[in-house]
Amino acid sequence: MTHAFQIVIFGASGDLARRKLIPALTRLHAEGHLESEFAVVGVARRPKSDEEFRQELAEALDPEDRSAFEALAPRIHYHQGDAKDGASLAALGSRLDALPGGSEAGRLFYLSLKPDLFAETARALAKAGLTGAHPGERAAWRRVVIEKPFGRDLTSARALNDDLHAVLREEQIFRIDHYLGKETVQNLLGFRFHNAIFEPLWNRHHVELVQISVAESIGVEQGRAAYYDETGALRDMLQNHMLQILALVAMEPPTSLDPKALRNQKVDLLRALHCPDAAEIGCASVRARYGPGEIEGRPALGYLDEEGVPPDSRTETYVALRAEIDNWRWSGVPFLLRHGKRLPRRFTEVKVQFRTTPLQLFNQPEGMDPSEFRRRLRDGSLCQIRPNVLTLSIQPREQIHLSFGVKRPGAQMVMTPATLGFDYREHFGESPPEAYERLLLDALTGDQTLFLSADEIEASWRYADEVLEGWEGPEAPPLLEHPAGKWGPEEADRLFLGCEGGWTRG
């Protein structure tokens, strides 16, 4: 960062600004990533002074960040205004012009607002002359960051993209998905395309299945019930975060690390996702919601008992899918996706399960005739443990593990599982940076690699819409219920066929 810049946060009184954005900026500043002249301006409708705003932010920080915040605080300002009001935005423009760098500073507008305000705010900013910039400008650049959700279906996502493109160029739009800022998610690229021992195996000939799980122990506390009931598990998590992880796991190698090259490969992969038709939806998906139960020994409410949830709600809090990719690399390999709330523990991980050897030489049950052993392996009545599984843990710990078989000590040839492991914290001696630190820095430098393109958004919604439409049809799976604190409905286990195994528990 060599030129002066300004960060303008709309919705500055909200939870995202206090919990994520300001802590991320505090650490970036303390670590020396923001060396040029800059200012941060929070915009919200309530009246307050700069000092009152700074005090609110300081009180919301973790204790270990407060001393670093003292150095950042003088650069933070507050502007009372309405994102939809022309007069407010004109006054904001005058305020920005008076800050270091003035009109020649780069400006990042972060829309931490309700989704229905994205397009309206972008239009208002353009009308006020705050987002106009010539292509290729290095100093007085103008960029807009938009939080999810990007629409609630394909039609609304296309309409939002059209509205944004009417006033902004695509290179000015930074659609943020915080999962892409996590180190292990980013490491999928390096792990796959830097290590020659894995990439030759990364295809249908060697991979039996891929499993992606995002488990949450929380429900819909903190006033999220009204939003969540209009959204559901598939729209809230699977359509965006999980499909992005899937795309990074399964995409073809890019020709370079250029953002356009990477994002084009993800788009091609998402477009290759097979959309289940009405006849397939019942056996390819499971949906459920949590009922009353226990979490860590404490009673937990069922979804319908949560404050703000309508008694006749049909919203799912659990979704499991058996997805397929219709391309040359992955045809026939199932991708099993699962997300749920009120599960026993919180974790996110990817498991790549490799095929077994063509001939089983080891671990024949004692007393079983070799012919019977062979026959039972062939008909699936005896399932051997899959010895080679690559596990990429994204949260709460960022780790990579590879399992393999070794001979157990003794006279007999009995193989037992062993594991090679890597832990970011142990290896580097520190925790990986928070996702928003990386993403904010990339937005400031204009790097769109970890942000979503319009085509990615629309390709993801195409798949999600087909599943949602199937759930409205005559072959739709029933809305099941599972106790809070359990691993979801038993019916989800049936998405695994034959000897494929079962859902991971982290």
Protein backbone atom coordinates (compact mmCIF):
# COMPACT_ATOMS: atom_id res chain seq x y z
CA MET A 1 0.00 0.00 0.00
CA THR A 2 1.93 3.00 -1.30
CA HIS A 3 -0.91 5.45 -1.98
CA ALA A 4 -3.26 7.10 0.50
CA PHE A 5 -6.58 5.29 0.91
CA GLN A 6 -9.85 5.53 2.81
CA ILE A 7 -12.08 2.73 4.09
CA VAL A 8 -15.75 3.63 4.40
CA ILE A 9 -17.90 1.15 6.35
CA PHE A 10 -21.65 1.47 5.87
CA GLY A 11 -23.51 -0.17 8.75
CA ALA A 12 -20.67 0.73 11.11
CA SER A 13 -22.84 0.24 14.21
CA GLY A 14 -23.51 -3.36 13.29
CA ASP A 15 -22.10 -6.59 14.63
CA LEU A 16 -19.87 -7.30 11.63
CA ALA A 17 -17.97 -4.02 11.93
CA ARG A 18 -17.37 -4.48 15.68
CA ARG A 19 -16.53 -8.20 15.69
CA LYS A 20 -14.69 -8.66 12.41
CA LEU A 21 -13.78 -5.56 10.41
CA ILE A 22 -12.29 -3.32 13.09
CA PRO A 23 -10.35 -6.17 14.78
CA ALA A 24 -8.97 -7.15 11.36
CA LEU A 25 -7.89 -3.57 10.60
CA THR A 26 -6.38 -3.28 14.08
CA ARG A 27 -4.15 -6.32 13.49
CA LEU A 28 -3.24 -5.31 9.93
CA HIS A 29 -2.15 -1.90 11.21
CA ALA A 30 -0.20 -3.39 14.14
CA GLU A 31 1.59 -5.81 11.81
CA GLY A 32 2.67 -3.01 9.47
CA HIS A 33 0.52 -3.97 6.46
CA LEU A 34 -1.12 -0.52 6.30
CA GLU A 35 1.94 1.69 6.01
CA SER A 36 0.56 4.47 3.79
CA GLU A 37 -1.64 7.38 4.89
CA PHE A 38 -5.18 6.16 5.45
CA ALA A 39 -8.44 6.80 7.30
CA VAL A 40 -11.40 4.67 8.35
CA VAL A 41 -14.87 6.23 8.30
CA GLY A 42 -17.86 4.49 9.85
CA VAL A 43 -21.26 5.48 8.48
CA ALA A 44 -24.52 4.85 10.32
CA ARG A 45 -27.76 6.70 11.05
CA ARG A 46 -27.39 7.27 14.78
CA PRO A 47 -25.73 10.52 15.92
CA LYS A 48 -22.42 10.12 17.73
CA SER A 49 -19.03 11.78 17.83
CA ASP A 50 -15.76 10.34 16.58
CA GLU A 51 -14.67 9.77 20.16
CA GLU A 52 -17.90 7.98 21.10
CA PHE A 53 -17.54 5.72 18.06
CA ARG A 54 -13.93 4.91 18.92
CA GLN A 55 -14.89 4.11 22.49
CA GLU A 56 -17.66 1.72 21.36
CA LEU A 57 -15.25 -0.09 19.09
CA ALA A 58 -12.57 -0.35 21.78
CA GLU A 59 -15.04 -1.86 24.27
CA ALA A 60 -16.08 -4.51 21.72
CA LEU A 61 -12.49 -5.67 21.10
CA ASP A 62 -10.83 -8.63 22.73
CA PRO A 63 -8.50 -7.44 25.52
CA GLU A 64 -5.36 -8.47 23.61
CA ASP A 65 -6.28 -6.13 20.72
CA ARG A 66 -7.03 -3.00 22.74
CA SER A 67 -3.50 -1.68 23.06
CA ALA A 68 -2.97 -2.05 19.29
CA PHE A 69 -6.28 -0.28 18.70
CA GLU A 70 -4.98 2.81 20.49
CA ALA A 71 -2.55 3.37 17.60
CA LEU A 72 -5.33 2.92 15.02
CA ALA A 73 -8.01 4.95 16.82
CA PRO A 74 -6.90 8.45 15.68
CA ARG A 75 -7.45 7.34 12.08
CA ILE A 76 -11.05 6.26 12.76
CA HIS A 77 -13.91 8.71 12.19
CA TYR A 78 -17.68 8.61 12.32
CA HIS A 79 -20.19 10.09 9.87
CA GLN A 80 -23.89 10.18 10.57
CA GLY A 81 -25.69 9.45 7.34
CA ASP A 82 -28.10 7.33 5.35
CA ALA A 83 -26.73 5.15 2.54
CA LYS A 84 -29.84 5.87 0.45
CA ASP A 85 -29.92 9.64 0.93
CA GLY A 86 -28.25 11.85 -1.67
CA ALA A 87 -27.66 14.76 0.73
CA SER A 88 -26.02 12.42 3.27
CA LEU A 89 -23.72 10.98 0.63
CA ALA A 90 -22.81 14.45 -0.66
CA ALA A 91 -21.83 15.41 2.88
CA LEU A 92 -19.86 12.16 3.17
CA GLY A 93 -18.01 13.04 -0.02
CA SER A 94 -17.01 16.41 1.43
CA ARG A 95 -15.87 14.69 4.63
CA LEU A 96 -13.72 12.24 2.68
CA ASP A 97 -12.20 15.02 0.58
CA ALA A 98 -11.07 16.72 3.80
CA LEU A 99 -9.29 13.60 5.09
CA PRO A 100 -5.69 12.68 4.20
CA GLY A 101 -5.38 11.97 0.48
CA GLY A 102 -8.60 13.81 -0.32
CA SER A 103 -10.26 13.01 -3.63
CA GLU A 104 -7.02 11.43 -4.91
CA ALA A 105 -7.06 8.72 -2.24
CA GLY A 106 -8.20 5.22 -3.07
CA ARG A 107 -11.59 4.43 -1.53
CA LEU A 108 -12.99 1.10 -0.36
CA PHE A 109 -16.72 1.19 0.38
CA TYR A 110 -17.74 -1.76 2.57
CA LEU A 111 -21.51 -2.41 2.47
CA SER A 112 -22.18 -4.10 5.80
CA LEU A 113 -25.90 -3.64 5.20
CA LYS A 114 -29.08 -5.61 4.68
CA PRO A 115 -28.98 -7.40 1.30
CA ASP A 116 -31.93 -5.43 -0.09
CA LEU A 117 -29.83 -2.26 0.26
CA PHE A 118 -26.86 -3.42 -1.84
CA ALA A 119 -28.10 -2.30 -5.25
CA GLU A 120 -29.77 0.84 -3.93
CA THR A 121 -26.63 1.94 -2.08
CA ALA A 122 -24.41 1.25 -5.10
CA ARG A 123 -26.69 3.41 -7.25
CA ALA A 124 -26.70 6.18 -4.64
CA LEU A 125 -22.90 6.12 -4.36
CA ALA A 126 -22.57 6.35 -8.14
CA LYS A 127 -25.11 9.19 -8.36
CA ALA A 128 -23.16 11.10 -5.70
CA GLY A 129 -20.00 10.66 -7.77
CA LEU A 130 -18.25 8.58 -5.10
CA THR A 131 -17.53 5.43 -7.14
CA GLY A 132 -16.45 6.91 -10.46
CA ALA A 133 -12.91 5.95 -11.44
CA HIS A 134 -11.15 5.42 -14.73
CA PRO A 135 -9.95 1.90 -15.57
CA GLY A 136 -6.35 1.34 -14.56
CA GLU A 137 -6.14 4.12 -12.00
CA ARG A 138 -3.62 3.14 -9.33
CA ALA A 139 -4.19 5.90 -6.80
CA ALA A 140 -7.78 7.18 -6.89
CA TRP A 141 -9.33 3.74 -7.22
CA ARG A 142 -12.92 3.05 -6.14
CA ARG A 143 -14.02 -0.39 -4.93
CA VAL A 144 -17.17 -1.77 -3.29
CA VAL A 145 -17.23 -4.80 -0.97
CA ILE A 146 -20.52 -6.68 -0.68
CA GLU A 147 -21.31 -9.27 1.98
CA LYS A 148 -23.44 -12.35 1.34
CA PRO A 149 -26.19 -13.26 0.65
CA PHE A 150 -25.97 -12.46 -3.05
CA GLY A 151 -29.65 -12.93 -3.81
CA ARG A 152 -31.88 -15.75 -2.61
CA ASP A 153 -32.16 -17.57 -5.95
CA LEU A 154 -30.78 -17.39 -9.48
CA THR A 155 -33.28 -14.78 -10.63
CA SER A 156 -32.56 -12.35 -7.79
CA ALA A 157 -28.79 -12.96 -8.05
CA ARG A 158 -28.86 -12.07 -11.75
CA ALA A 159 -30.93 -8.98 -11.01
CA LEU A 160 -28.44 -7.88 -8.32
CA ASN A 161 -25.50 -8.42 -10.67
CA ASP A 162 -27.27 -6.44 -13.40
CA ASP A 163 -27.98 -3.58 -10.98
CA LEU A 164 -24.37 -3.50 -9.81
CA HIS A 165 -22.97 -3.66 -13.34
CA ALA A 166 -25.15 -0.72 -14.31
CA VAL A 167 -23.07 1.55 -12.04
CA LEU A 168 -19.84 -0.37 -11.39
CA ARG A 169 -17.33 -2.33 -13.45
CA GLU A 170 -16.85 -5.97 -12.45
CA GLU A 171 -13.28 -5.24 -11.32
CA GLN A 172 -14.69 -2.72 -8.81
CA ILE A 173 -17.00 -5.29 -7.17
CA PHE A 174 -15.62 -7.45 -4.35
CA ARG A 175 -18.19 -10.08 -3.31
CA ILE A 176 -16.81 -11.42 -0.06
CA ASP A 177 -17.09 -14.98 1.25
CA HIS A 178 -15.11 -15.14 4.49
CA TYR A 179 -14.52 -18.90 4.12
CA LEU A 180 -12.14 -18.13 1.24
CA GLY A 181 -9.99 -16.10 3.65
CA LYS A 182 -9.22 -19.13 5.82
CA GLU A 183 -5.67 -20.43 5.45
CA THR A 184 -6.65 -24.07 4.94
CA VAL A 185 -9.15 -23.15 2.23
CA GLN A 186 -6.46 -21.15 0.42
CA ASN A 187 -4.01 -24.00 0.97
CA LEU A 188 -6.21 -26.26 -1.15
CA LEU A 189 -4.68 -24.52 -4.16
CA GLY A 190 -1.10 -24.86 -2.99
CA PHE A 191 -1.59 -28.39 -1.71
CA ARG A 192 -3.07 -29.60 -4.98
CA PHE A 193 -1.01 -27.74 -7.54
CA HIS A 194 2.40 -27.59 -5.85
CA ASN A 195 2.75 -31.16 -4.58
CA ALA A 196 3.30 -33.53 -7.48
CA ILE A 197 2.56 -36.64 -5.39
CA PHE A 198 -1.14 -35.76 -5.05
CA GLU A 199 -2.27 -34.17 -8.32
CA PRO A 200 -1.83 -37.38 -10.42
CA LEU A 201 -4.20 -39.15 -7.99
CA TRP A 202 -6.79 -36.36 -7.94
CA ASN A 203 -9.34 -37.97 -10.28
CA ARG A 204 -12.00 -40.64 -10.66
CA HIS A 205 -9.44 -43.41 -11.16
CA HIS A 206 -8.03 -43.06 -7.63
CA VAL A 207 -10.62 -41.14 -5.56
CA GLU A 208 -13.64 -43.09 -4.33
CA LEU A 209 -15.53 -40.15 -2.83
CA VAL A 210 -15.11 -36.66 -1.39
CA GLN A 211 -16.91 -35.55 1.76
CA ILE A 212 -17.38 -31.92 2.83
CA SER A 213 -18.89 -31.25 6.26
CA VAL A 214 -19.74 -27.99 8.00
CA ALA A 215 -21.09 -28.80 11.46
CA GLU A 216 -22.30 -26.17 13.93
CA SER A 217 -23.26 -26.64 17.56
CA ILE A 218 -25.16 -23.33 17.73
CA GLY A 219 -28.79 -22.84 16.79
CA VAL A 220 -30.43 -19.58 15.74
CA GLU A 221 -29.64 -17.51 18.83
CA GLN A 222 -28.91 -13.79 18.93
CA GLY A 223 -31.99 -12.70 17.04
CA ARG A 224 -31.15 -14.54 13.80
CA ALA A 225 -34.36 -16.60 13.70
CA ALA A 226 -36.34 -14.21 11.48
CA TYR A 227 -33.54 -14.05 8.88
CA TYR A 228 -32.74 -17.75 9.09
CA ASP A 229 -36.32 -18.91 8.71
CA GLU A 230 -36.49 -17.11 5.37
CA THR A 231 -33.20 -18.66 4.31
CA GLY A 232 -32.57 -22.19 5.60
CA ALA A 233 -29.46 -24.35 5.67
CA LEU A 234 -29.13 -24.81 1.93
CA ARG A 235 -29.23 -21.09 1.09
CA ASP A 236 -27.32 -19.98 4.19
CA MET A 237 -24.33 -22.31 3.96
CA LEU A 238 -24.33 -24.86 1.17
CA GLN A 239 -25.03 -22.56 -1.79
CA ASN A 240 -22.07 -20.32 -0.99
CA HIS A 241 -19.40 -21.51 1.47
CA MET A 242 -19.65 -25.24 0.74
CA LEU A 243 -19.87 -24.95 -3.04
CA GLN A 244 -16.84 -22.66 -2.96
CA ILE A 245 -14.88 -25.31 -1.05
CA LEU A 246 -16.09 -27.95 -3.49
CA ALA A 247 -14.95 -25.82 -6.43
CA LEU A 248 -11.44 -25.43 -5.00
CA VAL A 249 -11.21 -29.17 -4.27
CA ALA A 250 -12.40 -30.26 -7.72
CA MET A 251 -11.47 -27.51 -10.22
CA GLU A 252 -8.98 -28.05 -13.04
CA PRO A 253 -5.47 -26.59 -12.67
CA PRO A 254 -5.36 -22.91 -13.65
CA THR A 255 -2.74 -21.67 -16.09
CA SER A 256 -1.58 -19.06 -13.56
CA LEU A 257 -2.55 -17.48 -10.22
CA ASP A 258 -4.16 -14.60 -12.06
CA PRO A 259 -7.57 -13.96 -10.43
CA LYS A 260 -9.42 -14.36 -13.73
CA ALA A 261 -7.73 -17.69 -14.50
CA LEU A 262 -8.59 -19.07 -11.05
CA ARG A 263 -12.16 -17.85 -11.04
CA ASN A 264 -12.83 -19.14 -14.56
CA GLN A 265 -11.82 -22.65 -13.48
CA LYS A 266 -14.17 -22.46 -10.50
CA VAL A 267 -17.01 -21.33 -12.76
CA ASP A 268 -16.41 -24.26 -15.14
CA LEU A 269 -16.51 -26.69 -12.22
CA LEU A 270 -19.69 -25.25 -10.73
CA ARG A 271 -21.37 -25.37 -14.13
CA ALA A 272 -20.46 -29.06 -14.36
CA LEU A 273 -22.38 -29.92 -11.17
CA HIS A 274 -25.17 -32.32 -12.05
CA CYS A 275 -28.56 -30.90 -11.08
CA PRO A 276 -30.73 -33.73 -9.70
CA ASP A 277 -34.07 -34.05 -11.47
CA ALA A 278 -37.43 -34.73 -9.81
CA ALA A 279 -36.87 -38.49 -9.86
CA GLU A 280 -33.41 -38.22 -8.24
CA ILE A 281 -34.00 -35.61 -5.56
CA GLY A 282 -35.53 -37.99 -3.01
CA CYS A 283 -32.56 -40.38 -3.00
CA ALA A 284 -29.87 -37.71 -3.47
CA SER A 285 -30.80 -35.36 -0.61
CA VAL A 286 -31.93 -35.28 3.01
CA ARG A 287 -33.35 -32.28 4.85
CA ALA A 288 -34.20 -31.95 8.52
CA ARG A 289 -34.45 -29.56 11.46
CA TYR A 290 -33.31 -29.98 15.04
CA GLY A 291 -35.78 -30.79 17.79
CA PRO A 292 -35.35 -30.55 21.57
CA GLY A 293 -32.24 -32.23 22.93
CA GLU A 294 -28.97 -31.63 24.78
CA ILE A 295 -25.74 -29.84 23.85
CA GLU A 296 -22.74 -30.54 26.10
CA GLY A 297 -25.04 -31.76 28.87
CA ARG A 298 -27.32 -28.71 28.78
CA PRO A 299 -30.93 -28.74 27.52
CA ALA A 300 -31.36 -27.24 24.05
CA LEU A 301 -34.54 -25.96 22.45
CA GLY A 302 -35.91 -27.40 19.24
CA TYR A 303 -35.97 -25.14 16.19
CA LEU A 304 -39.73 -24.53 16.39
CA ASP A 305 -39.30 -23.45 20.03
CA GLU A 306 -36.66 -20.79 19.21
CA GLU A 307 -37.80 -17.20 19.68
CA GLY A 308 -38.96 -15.73 16.37
CA VAL A 309 -39.56 -19.02 14.54
CA PRO A 310 -43.16 -19.43 13.25
CA PRO A 311 -44.90 -22.55 14.61
CA ASP A 312 -45.72 -23.70 11.06
CA SER A 313 -42.15 -23.23 9.75
CA ARG A 314 -40.92 -25.65 7.08
CA THR A 315 -37.33 -24.39 7.12
CA GLU A 316 -34.49 -26.92 7.19
CA THR A 317 -31.56 -26.53 9.60
CA TYR A 318 -29.83 -29.66 8.26
CA VAL A 319 -29.07 -30.59 4.68
CA ALA A 320 -27.14 -33.51 3.19
CA LEU A 321 -26.59 -34.04 -0.53
CA ARG A 322 -24.99 -36.63 -2.74
CA ALA A 323 -23.70 -34.46 -5.57
CA GLU A 324 -22.06 -35.45 -8.85
CA ILE A 325 -19.81 -33.59 -11.29
CA ASP A 326 -20.30 -34.30 -14.96
CA ASN A 327 -16.81 -33.80 -16.32
CA TRP A 328 -13.89 -35.96 -17.47
CA ARG A 329 -12.00 -35.86 -14.15
CA TRP A 330 -14.81 -36.60 -11.69
CA SER A 331 -17.58 -38.49 -13.50
CA GLY A 332 -18.93 -41.19 -11.18
CA VAL A 333 -17.27 -39.85 -8.00
CA PRO A 334 -19.82 -38.79 -5.36
CA PHE A 335 -19.33 -35.52 -3.47
CA LEU A 336 -21.18 -35.81 -0.17
CA LEU A 337 -22.09 -32.44 1.33
CA ARG A 338 -23.48 -32.01 4.85
CA HIS A 339 -24.31 -29.00 6.98
CA GLY A 340 -26.35 -28.77 10.14
CA LYS A 341 -27.03 -26.67 13.20
CA ARG A 342 -27.24 -28.02 16.75
CA LEU A 343 -24.90 -30.90 16.00
CA PRO A 344 -22.66 -32.22 18.82
CA ARG A 345 -19.62 -30.15 17.90
CA ARG A 346 -18.40 -27.41 15.56
CA PHE A 347 -16.01 -28.29 12.75
CA THR A 348 -15.45 -27.88 9.04
CA GLU A 349 -13.43 -30.39 7.06
CA VAL A 350 -12.87 -32.01 3.68
CA LYS A 351 -12.15 -35.74 3.42
CA VAL A 352 -10.79 -37.18 0.18
CA GLN A 353 -11.24 -40.96 0.34
CA PHE A 354 -9.03 -42.93 -2.02
CA ARG A 355 -9.96 -46.27 -3.53
CA THR A 356 -8.76 -49.55 -2.07
CA THR A 357 -6.17 -51.69 -3.79
CA PRO A 358 -7.58 -53.98 -6.52
CA LEU A 359 -6.55 -57.10 -4.61
CA GLN A 360 -6.98 -57.46 -0.84
CA LEU A 361 -3.90 -59.27 0.50
CA PHE A 362 -4.25 -58.40 4.17
CA ASN A 363 -6.61 -58.55 7.15
CA GLN A 364 -8.52 -61.66 6.12
CA PRO A 365 -10.77 -62.55 9.11
CA GLU A 366 -9.35 -65.42 11.13
CA GLY A 367 -10.90 -68.73 10.13
CA MET A 368 -12.49 -67.41 6.92
CA ASP A 369 -11.79 -69.39 3.78
CA PRO A 370 -9.96 -67.35 1.08
CA SER A 371 -12.75 -68.05 -1.44
CA GLU A 372 -15.40 -66.79 1.00
CA PHE A 373 -13.23 -63.75 1.80
CA ARG A 374 -12.99 -62.91 -1.90
CA ARG A 375 -16.72 -63.49 -2.46
CA ARG A 376 -17.79 -61.33 0.48
CA LEU A 377 -15.52 -58.49 -0.60
CA ARG A 378 -17.07 -58.64 -4.07
CA ASP A 379 -20.71 -58.63 -2.92
CA GLY A 380 -20.15 -55.90 -0.32
CA SER A 381 -21.14 -57.96 2.71
CA LEU A 382 -17.63 -57.48 4.11
CA CYS A 383 -16.25 -53.95 3.94
CA GLN A 384 -12.56 -53.29 4.36
CA ILE A 385 -11.42 -50.06 5.99
CA ARG A 386 -10.32 -47.48 3.44
CA PRO A 387 -6.69 -47.01 4.48
CA ASN A 388 -5.91 -43.84 2.54
CA VAL A 389 -7.95 -40.77 3.47
CA LEU A 390 -6.74 -37.18 3.18
CA THR A 391 -8.41 -34.90 5.72
CA LEU A 392 -8.19 -31.12 5.45
CA SER A 393 -9.53 -29.53 8.65
CA ILE A 394 -10.60 -25.91 8.17
CA GLN A 395 -11.94 -25.15 11.66
CA PRO A 396 -11.63 -25.01 14.63
CA ARG A 397 -8.00 -26.13 14.08
CA GLU A 398 -6.41 -25.77 10.66
CA GLN A 399 -4.75 -29.11 9.99
CA ILE A 400 -4.00 -31.70 7.29
CA HIS A 401 -3.88 -35.45 7.96
CA LEU A 402 -3.17 -38.41 5.67
CA SER A 403 -4.02 -41.92 6.84
CA PHE A 404 -2.25 -45.02 5.59
CA GLY A 405 -1.79 -48.65 6.61
CA VAL A 406 1.21 -50.13 8.42
CA LYS A 407 1.92 -53.68 9.54
CA ARG A 408 1.10 -54.38 13.16
CA PRO A 409 4.05 -55.91 15.07
CA GLY A 410 3.82 -59.68 15.28
CA ALA A 411 4.01 -62.86 13.29
CA GLN A 412 0.90 -62.24 11.16
CA MET A 413 0.47 -59.80 8.28
CA VAL A 414 -2.14 -57.56 9.86
CA MET A 415 -2.39 -53.96 8.70
CA THR A 416 -3.44 -51.18 11.07
CA PRO A 417 -4.14 -47.45 10.45
CA ALA A 418 -1.49 -44.77 10.97
CA THR A 419 -1.52 -41.03 10.28
CA LEU A 420 0.78 -38.30 9.03
CA GLY A 421 -0.27 -34.90 10.36
CA PHE A 422 0.35 -31.20 9.91
CA ASP A 423 -0.96 -28.43 12.17
CA TYR A 424 -0.61 -24.78 11.18
CA ARG A 425 -0.28 -23.55 14.76
CA GLU A 426 2.32 -26.12 15.76
CA HIS A 427 4.37 -25.81 12.55
CA PHE A 428 4.50 -22.03 12.32
CA GLY A 429 4.32 -21.30 16.04
CA GLU A 430 1.31 -19.03 15.69
CA SER A 431 -2.34 -19.14 14.77
CA PRO A 432 -3.26 -18.34 11.16
CA PRO A 433 -4.60 -14.81 10.63
CA GLU A 434 -8.33 -14.24 10.72
CA ALA A 435 -10.07 -14.53 7.35
CA TYR A 436 -11.11 -10.88 7.25
CA GLU A 437 -7.51 -9.73 7.65
CA ARG A 438 -6.49 -11.42 4.40
CA LEU A 439 -9.63 -10.41 2.53
CA LEU A 440 -9.53 -6.76 3.56
CA LEU A 441 -5.88 -6.52 2.57
CA ASP A 442 -6.64 -8.11 -0.82
CA ALA A 443 -9.52 -5.70 -1.40
CA LEU A 444 -7.24 -2.76 -0.62
CA THR A 445 -4.61 -3.99 -3.07
CA GLY A 446 -7.21 -4.85 -5.73
CA ASP A 447 -6.61 -8.62 -5.71
CA GLN A 448 -9.91 -10.39 -6.55
CA THR A 449 -8.55 -13.95 -6.33
CA LEU A 450 -10.45 -14.81 -3.13
CA PHE A 451 -13.60 -12.89 -4.05
CA LEU A 452 -16.53 -14.19 -6.08
CA SER A 453 -17.31 -13.26 -9.66
CA ALA A 454 -20.81 -12.72 -11.03
CA ASP A 455 -20.53 -15.97 -12.98
CA GLU A 456 -19.61 -17.96 -9.86
CA ILE A 457 -22.62 -16.60 -8.00
CA GLU A 458 -24.99 -17.51 -10.80
CA ALA A 459 -23.49 -20.97 -11.34
CA SER A 460 -23.89 -21.76 -7.60
CA TRP A 461 -27.50 -20.59 -7.59
CA ARG A 462 -28.29 -22.67 -10.68
CA TYR A 463 -27.48 -25.82 -8.69
CA ALA A 464 -29.11 -24.67 -5.45
CA ASP A 465 -32.29 -23.65 -7.26
CA GLU A 466 -32.67 -27.09 -8.81
CA VAL A 467 -32.41 -28.73 -5.38
CA LEU A 468 -34.89 -26.28 -3.85
CA GLU A 469 -37.28 -26.81 -6.76
CA GLY A 470 -37.01 -30.57 -6.27
CA TRP A 471 -37.94 -30.12 -2.62
CA GLU A 472 -41.19 -28.56 -3.75
CA GLY A 473 -42.06 -31.44 -6.10
CA PRO A 474 -43.90 -34.74 -5.63
CA GLU A 475 -40.67 -36.76 -5.09
CA ALA A 476 -39.34 -34.38 -2.42
CA PRO A 477 -37.72 -35.94 0.65
CA PRO A 478 -39.71 -35.34 3.85
CA LEU A 479 -38.64 -32.68 6.34
CA LEU A 480 -37.24 -34.86 9.13
CA GLU A 481 -36.41 -33.98 12.72
CA HIS A 482 -33.40 -34.98 14.81
CA PRO A 483 -32.65 -34.23 18.47
CA ALA A 484 -30.35 -31.28 19.14
CA GLY A 485 -26.91 -32.62 20.07
CA LYS A 486 -27.13 -35.62 17.73
CA TRP A 487 -25.48 -36.07 14.35
CA GLY A 488 -28.59 -35.57 12.27
CA PRO A 489 -31.23 -37.99 10.97
CA GLU A 490 -30.30 -41.62 10.30
CA GLU A 491 -31.66 -41.26 6.78
CA ALA A 492 -28.60 -39.17 5.87
CA ASP A 493 -26.40 -42.26 6.32
CA ARG A 494 -28.16 -43.84 3.33
CA LEU A 495 -26.49 -41.36 0.99
CA PHE A 496 -23.40 -43.55 1.37
CA LEU A 497 -23.74 -46.66 -0.79
CA GLY A 498 -22.22 -50.11 -0.32
CA CYS A 499 -18.84 -49.90 1.41
CA GLU A 500 -18.33 -46.15 0.97
CA GLY A 501 -18.39 -45.53 4.73
CA GLY A 502 -20.24 -42.84 6.65
CA TRP A 503 -20.24 -39.22 7.78
CA THR A 504 -17.20 -37.87 9.55
CA ARG A 505 -17.57 -36.62 13.12
CA GLY A 506 -14.57 -34.31 13.07
